[in-house]
């Protein structure tokens, strides 16, 4: 079930705190970007919060450029 704040192309992944869901309509900049979205959402399940840089960045382009 999609959340009420779902936006077709902009929301790329989300979690219900048990499972990770990836939006197939989302815009991804390659496989690495796709994989980072999954890792980001998995981090939320593990209790991690957003950061300015790295995998837990709330901003996909920053995440893509700064995640190791």
N, C-alpha and C. Protein backbone atom coordinates (compact mmCIF):
# COMPACT_ATOMS: atom_id res chain seq x y z
N UNK A 1 0.85 -1.19 0.00
CA UNK A 1 0.00 0.00 0.00
C UNK A 1 0.89 1.24 0.00
N UNK A 2 0.58 2.18 -0.88
CA UNK A 2 1.38 3.39 -0.99
C UNK A 2 0.93 4.42 0.05
N UNK A 3 1.91 5.12 0.67
CA UNK A 3 1.54 6.13 1.67
C UNK A 3 0.81 7.31 1.04
N UNK A 4 0.08 8.07 1.84
CA UNK A 4 -0.71 9.20 1.35
C UNK A 4 0.18 10.29 0.74
N UNK A 5 1.45 10.37 1.15
CA UNK A 5 2.35 11.40 0.64
C UNK A 5 3.14 10.93 -0.58
N UNK A 6 2.77 9.81 -1.14
CA UNK A 6 3.43 9.24 -2.32
C UNK A 6 3.38 10.20 -3.50
N UNK A 7 4.53 10.41 -4.13
CA UNK A 7 4.62 11.22 -5.35
C UNK A 7 5.22 10.32 -6.42
N UNK A 8 4.53 10.13 -7.52
CA UNK A 8 4.86 9.10 -8.50
C UNK A 8 6.33 9.01 -8.87
N UNK A 9 6.96 10.08 -9.31
CA UNK A 9 8.34 9.99 -9.80
C UNK A 9 9.39 10.40 -8.78
N UNK A 10 9.01 11.19 -7.78
CA UNK A 10 9.98 11.73 -6.85
C UNK A 10 10.25 10.82 -5.66
N UNK A 11 9.24 10.15 -5.17
CA UNK A 11 9.43 9.22 -4.07
C UNK A 11 10.04 7.94 -4.65
N UNK A 12 11.26 7.64 -4.24
CA UNK A 12 11.95 6.50 -4.84
C UNK A 12 11.96 5.28 -3.94
N UNK A 13 11.83 5.47 -2.65
CA UNK A 13 11.81 4.34 -1.73
C UNK A 13 11.22 4.77 -0.41
N UNK A 14 10.68 3.81 0.32
CA UNK A 14 10.14 4.09 1.64
C UNK A 14 10.10 2.78 2.42
N UNK A 15 9.85 2.89 3.70
CA UNK A 15 9.80 1.70 4.54
C UNK A 15 8.61 1.80 5.49
N UNK A 16 8.11 0.64 5.88
CA UNK A 16 7.09 0.59 6.92
C UNK A 16 7.73 0.16 8.24
N UNK A 17 9.06 0.31 8.31
CA UNK A 17 9.90 -0.04 9.46
C UNK A 17 10.05 -1.55 9.63
N UNK A 18 9.61 -2.30 8.62
CA UNK A 18 9.80 -3.74 8.61
C UNK A 18 10.35 -4.16 7.25
N UNK A 19 9.81 -3.59 6.19
CA UNK A 19 10.21 -3.91 4.82
C UNK A 19 10.57 -2.63 4.07
N UNK A 20 11.41 -2.77 3.06
CA UNK A 20 11.79 -1.65 2.18
C UNK A 20 11.00 -1.79 0.90
N UNK A 21 10.43 -0.68 0.45
CA UNK A 21 9.68 -0.65 -0.80
C UNK A 21 10.37 0.31 -1.76
N UNK A 22 10.57 -0.11 -2.99
CA UNK A 22 11.19 0.73 -4.01
C UNK A 22 10.14 1.06 -5.06
N UNK A 23 10.05 2.33 -5.40
CA UNK A 23 9.08 2.81 -6.38
C UNK A 23 9.64 2.57 -7.78
N UNK A 24 9.06 1.68 -8.53
CA UNK A 24 9.52 1.39 -9.88
C UNK A 24 9.31 2.56 -10.83
N UNK A 25 8.45 3.51 -10.47
CA UNK A 25 8.24 4.71 -11.28
C UNK A 25 9.25 5.81 -10.94
N UNK A 26 10.04 5.60 -9.91
CA UNK A 26 11.01 6.61 -9.49
C UNK A 26 12.11 6.81 -10.51
N UNK A 27 12.75 7.96 -10.44
CA UNK A 27 13.86 8.28 -11.34
C UNK A 27 15.16 7.95 -10.62
N UNK A 28 15.93 7.03 -11.19
CA UNK A 28 17.20 6.61 -10.60
C UNK A 28 18.32 6.92 -11.58
N UNK A 29 19.47 7.30 -11.03
CA UNK A 29 20.64 7.62 -11.83
C UNK A 29 21.59 6.42 -11.86
N UNK A 30 21.10 5.30 -12.31
CA UNK A 30 21.90 4.08 -12.40
C UNK A 30 21.68 3.12 -11.25
N UNK A 31 22.34 1.97 -11.36
CA UNK A 31 22.19 0.91 -10.37
C UNK A 31 22.71 1.32 -9.00
N UNK A 32 23.81 2.07 -8.95
CA UNK A 32 24.37 2.49 -7.66
C UNK A 32 23.36 3.35 -6.90
N UNK A 33 22.71 4.28 -7.60
CA UNK A 33 21.70 5.13 -6.98
C UNK A 33 20.55 4.28 -6.45
N UNK A 34 20.10 3.32 -7.23
CA UNK A 34 19.04 2.41 -6.82
C UNK A 34 19.44 1.65 -5.55
N UNK A 35 20.66 1.11 -5.55
CA UNK A 35 21.16 0.36 -4.39
C UNK A 35 21.28 1.25 -3.15
N UNK A 36 21.68 2.51 -3.34
CA UNK A 36 21.80 3.43 -2.21
C UNK A 36 20.45 3.77 -1.60
N UNK A 37 19.42 3.83 -2.42
CA UNK A 37 18.06 4.06 -1.89
C UNK A 37 17.67 2.91 -0.97
N UNK A 38 17.95 1.70 -1.40
CA UNK A 38 17.64 0.53 -0.57
C UNK A 38 18.45 0.57 0.72
N UNK A 39 19.74 0.89 0.63
CA UNK A 39 20.59 0.97 1.82
C UNK A 39 20.11 2.06 2.76
N UNK A 40 19.66 3.19 2.21
CA UNK A 40 19.15 4.30 3.01
C UNK A 40 17.91 3.86 3.80
N UNK A 41 16.99 3.24 3.13
CA UNK A 41 15.76 2.79 3.79
C UNK A 41 16.05 1.69 4.81
N UNK A 42 16.99 0.82 4.51
CA UNK A 42 17.40 -0.21 5.47
C UNK A 42 17.98 0.45 6.72
N UNK A 43 18.71 1.55 6.53
CA UNK A 43 19.24 2.30 7.67
C UNK A 43 18.14 2.80 8.58
N UNK A 44 17.03 3.26 8.01
CA UNK A 44 15.89 3.70 8.83
C UNK A 44 15.34 2.54 9.66
N UNK A 45 15.25 1.36 9.06
CA UNK A 45 14.77 0.19 9.79
C UNK A 45 15.70 -0.11 10.96
N UNK A 46 16.99 0.12 10.77
CA UNK A 46 17.98 -0.12 11.82
C UNK A 46 18.03 1.00 12.86
N UNK A 47 17.20 2.03 12.68
CA UNK A 47 17.11 3.10 13.66
C UNK A 47 17.98 4.31 13.37
N UNK A 48 18.59 4.37 12.21
CA UNK A 48 19.46 5.50 11.86
C UNK A 48 18.62 6.70 11.42
N UNK A 49 19.15 7.89 11.71
CA UNK A 49 18.50 9.15 11.34
C UNK A 49 19.16 9.74 10.10
N UNK A 50 18.52 10.75 9.51
CA UNK A 50 19.12 11.44 8.38
C UNK A 50 20.39 12.17 8.78
N UNK A 51 21.34 12.23 7.86
CA UNK A 51 22.58 12.97 8.02
C UNK A 51 22.73 13.91 6.84
N UNK A 52 23.70 14.82 6.93
CA UNK A 52 23.93 15.74 5.80
C UNK A 52 24.60 15.03 4.64
N UNK A 53 25.47 14.04 4.94
CA UNK A 53 26.25 13.35 3.90
C UNK A 53 26.17 11.85 4.09
N UNK A 54 26.56 11.12 3.07
CA UNK A 54 26.62 9.66 3.14
C UNK A 54 25.30 8.98 2.83
N UNK A 55 25.25 7.71 3.13
CA UNK A 55 24.08 6.88 2.80
C UNK A 55 22.80 7.40 3.43
N UNK A 56 22.88 7.99 4.61
CA UNK A 56 21.68 8.45 5.29
C UNK A 56 21.30 9.89 4.97
N UNK A 57 21.92 10.48 3.96
CA UNK A 57 21.51 11.82 3.53
C UNK A 57 20.08 11.76 3.00
N UNK A 58 19.30 12.76 3.34
CA UNK A 58 17.91 12.82 2.87
C UNK A 58 17.83 13.22 1.40
N UNK A 59 18.94 13.70 0.85
CA UNK A 59 18.96 14.20 -0.52
C UNK A 59 19.69 13.20 -1.43
N UNK A 60 18.95 12.63 -2.36
CA UNK A 60 19.49 11.56 -3.21
C UNK A 60 20.77 11.91 -3.93
N UNK A 61 20.87 13.11 -4.47
CA UNK A 61 22.07 13.48 -5.22
C UNK A 61 23.27 13.60 -4.28
N UNK A 62 23.06 14.13 -3.07
CA UNK A 62 24.14 14.21 -2.08
C UNK A 62 24.55 12.81 -1.67
N UNK A 63 23.57 11.95 -1.46
CA UNK A 63 23.84 10.55 -1.10
C UNK A 63 24.69 9.89 -2.17
N UNK A 64 24.31 10.09 -3.43
CA UNK A 64 25.02 9.48 -4.55
C UNK A 64 26.47 9.97 -4.62
N UNK A 65 26.68 11.25 -4.33
CA UNK A 65 28.02 11.83 -4.45
C UNK A 65 28.90 11.59 -3.23
N UNK A 66 28.31 11.32 -2.06
CA UNK A 66 29.12 11.24 -0.84
C UNK A 66 29.14 9.87 -0.18
N UNK A 67 28.30 8.95 -0.58
CA UNK A 67 28.29 7.62 0.05
C UNK A 67 29.49 6.82 -0.42
N UNK A 68 30.07 6.09 0.52
CA UNK A 68 31.24 5.28 0.21
C UNK A 68 30.80 3.90 -0.23
